[in-house]
Amino acid sequence: MSLSDKDKESSDIRSAIKYFALISQIGLQFIFCVLLGGFFGLKLDGFFNTTPLFSLIGLIMGIIGGAFSVYRLIFASEK
């Protein structure tokens, strides 16, 4: 292997690790937002005694917030 082949291989490995880290961050960020919305929805349901209402609202808000957060993360990583 020549020196340029090693540099290219090293660059490919760095690129693969970078994309793996981005995909992991996207998944964790989305799941965290959904779980956080569901958690606060359950707590509000317990406080106001309105069983499915705030849980559903919290989950929907978590999904929307997670999607928006992932959208911003993806477009920030392209720069």
C-alpha atoms as a PDB file:
ATOM      1  CA  MET A   1       0.000   0.000   0.000  1.00  0.00           C
ATOM      2  CA  SER A   2       1.275   3.407  -0.858  1.00  0.00           C
ATOM      3  CA  LEU A   3       0.984   6.431   1.369  1.00  0.00           C
ATOM      4  CA  SER A   4      -1.910   7.897  -0.615  1.00  0.00           C
ATOM      5  CA  ASP A   5      -3.874   4.646  -0.260  1.00  0.00           C
ATOM      6  CA  LYS A   6      -3.446   4.777   3.508  1.00  0.00           C
ATOM      7  CA  ASP A   7      -4.562   8.408   3.577  1.00  0.00           C
ATOM      8  CA  LYS A   8      -7.637   7.568   1.520  1.00  0.00           C
ATOM      9  CA  GLU A   9      -8.482   4.610   3.746  1.00  0.00           C
ATOM     10  CA  SER A  10      -8.049   6.752   6.852  1.00  0.00           C
ATOM     11  CA  SER A  11     -10.281   9.424   5.325  1.00  0.00           C
ATOM     12  CA  ASP A  12     -12.945   6.824   4.504  1.00  0.00           C
ATOM     13  CA  ILE A  13     -12.895   5.527   8.069  1.00  0.00           C
ATOM     14  CA  ARG A  14     -13.203   9.066   9.480  1.00  0.00           C
ATOM     15  CA  SER A  15     -16.119   9.761   7.146  1.00  0.00           C
ATOM     16  CA  ALA A  16     -17.887   6.550   8.165  1.00  0.00           C
ATOM     17  CA  ILE A  17     -17.458   7.363  11.864  1.00  0.00           C
ATOM     18  CA  LYS A  18     -18.767  10.887  11.282  1.00  0.00           C
ATOM     19  CA  TYR A  19     -21.934   9.587   9.603  1.00  0.00           C
ATOM     20  CA  PHE A  20     -22.428   6.907  12.245  1.00  0.00           C
ATOM     21  CA  ALA A  21     -22.218   9.571  14.959  1.00  0.00           C
ATOM     22  CA  LEU A  22     -24.733  11.751  13.107  1.00  0.00           C
ATOM     23  CA  ILE A  23     -27.211   8.878  12.714  1.00  0.00           C
ATOM     24  CA  SER A  24     -26.841   7.963  16.389  1.00  0.00           C
ATOM     25  CA  GLN A  25     -27.403  11.564  17.441  1.00  0.00           C
ATOM     26  CA  ILE A  26     -30.505  11.830  15.249  1.00  0.00           C
ATOM     27  CA  GLY A  27     -32.045   8.700  16.763  1.00  0.00           C
ATOM     28  CA  LEU A  28     -31.280   9.614  20.340  1.00  0.00           C
ATOM     29  CA  GLN A  29     -32.483  13.178  19.937  1.00  0.00           C
ATOM     30  CA  PHE A  30     -35.805  12.117  18.412  1.00  0.00           C
ATOM     31  CA  ILE A  31     -36.448   9.420  21.028  1.00  0.00           C
ATOM     32  CA  PHE A  32     -35.561  11.811  23.863  1.00  0.00           C
ATOM     33  CA  CYS A  33     -38.034  14.436  22.613  1.00  0.00           C
ATOM     34  CA  VAL A  34     -40.859  11.911  22.295  1.00  0.00           C
ATOM     35  CA  LEU A  35     -40.195  10.403  25.735  1.00  0.00           C
ATOM     36  CA  LEU A  36     -39.950  13.829  27.337  1.00  0.00           C
ATOM     37  CA  GLY A  37     -43.267  14.916  25.806  1.00  0.00           C
ATOM     38  CA  GLY A  38     -44.937  11.685  26.920  1.00  0.00           C
ATOM     39  CA  PHE A  39     -43.523  11.990  30.436  1.00  0.00           C
ATOM     40  CA  PHE A  40     -44.801  15.524  30.933  1.00  0.00           C
ATOM     41  CA  GLY A  41     -48.141  14.534  29.404  1.00  0.00           C
ATOM     42  CA  LEU A  42     -48.497  11.710  31.909  1.00  0.00           C
ATOM     43  CA  LYS A  43     -47.592  14.015  34.784  1.00  0.00           C
ATOM     44  CA  LEU A  44     -50.163  16.596  33.665  1.00  0.00           C
ATOM     45  CA  ASP A  45     -52.777  13.860  33.297  1.00  0.00           C
ATOM     46  CA  GLY A  46     -52.086  12.758  36.859  1.00  0.00           C
ATOM     47  CA  PHE A  47     -52.295  16.326  38.150  1.00  0.00           C
ATOM     48  CA  PHE A  48     -55.509  17.294  36.314  1.00  0.00           C
ATOM     49  CA  ASN A  49     -57.011  13.754  36.288  1.00  0.00           C
ATOM     50  CA  THR A  50     -57.588  13.803  32.508  1.00  0.00           C
ATOM     51  CA  THR A  51     -56.171  10.417  31.596  1.00  0.00           C
ATOM     52  CA  PRO A  52     -55.544  10.300  27.828  1.00  0.00           C
ATOM     53  CA  LEU A  53     -55.738  13.995  26.931  1.00  0.00           C
ATOM     54  CA  PHE A  54     -52.382  15.426  27.974  1.00  0.00           C
ATOM     55  CA  SER A  55     -50.565  12.154  27.249  1.00  0.00           C
ATOM     56  CA  LEU A  56     -51.614  12.336  23.622  1.00  0.00           C
ATOM     57  CA  ILE A  57     -50.889  16.054  23.413  1.00  0.00           C
ATOM     58  CA  GLY A  58     -47.449  15.475  24.980  1.00  0.00           C
ATOM     59  CA  LEU A  59     -46.633  12.658  22.564  1.00  0.00           C
ATOM     60  CA  ILE A  60     -47.740  14.696  19.553  1.00  0.00           C
ATOM     61  CA  MET A  61     -45.732  17.692  20.753  1.00  0.00           C
ATOM     62  CA  GLY A  62     -42.729  15.417  21.334  1.00  0.00           C
ATOM     63  CA  ILE A  63     -42.973  13.977  17.816  1.00  0.00           C
ATOM     64  CA  ILE A  64     -43.273  17.431  16.272  1.00  0.00           C
ATOM     65  CA  GLY A  65     -40.433  18.792  18.418  1.00  0.00           C
ATOM     66  CA  GLY A  66     -38.257  15.778  17.653  1.00  0.00           C
ATOM     67  CA  ALA A  67     -38.873  16.067  13.914  1.00  0.00           C
ATOM     68  CA  PHE A  68     -38.031  19.772  13.972  1.00  0.00           C
ATOM     69  CA  SER A  69     -34.911  19.131  16.021  1.00  0.00           C
ATOM     70  CA  VAL A  70     -33.751  16.387  13.636  1.00  0.00           C
ATOM     71  CA  TYR A  71     -34.449  18.655  10.655  1.00  0.00           C
ATOM     72  CA  ARG A  72     -32.265  21.391  12.149  1.00  0.00           C
ATOM     73  CA  LEU A  73     -29.532  18.891  12.996  1.00  0.00           C
ATOM     74  CA  ILE A  74     -29.409  17.460   9.491  1.00  0.00           C
ATOM     75  CA  PHE A  75     -29.209  20.839   7.776  1.00  0.00           C
ATOM     76  CA  ALA A  76     -26.632  22.101  10.293  1.00  0.00           C
ATOM     77  CA  SER A  77     -24.415  19.089   9.551  1.00  0.00           C
ATOM     78  CA  GLU A  78     -24.438  19.823   5.800  1.00  0.00           C
ATOM     79  CA  LYS A  79     -22.575  23.105   6.290  1.00  0.00           C
END
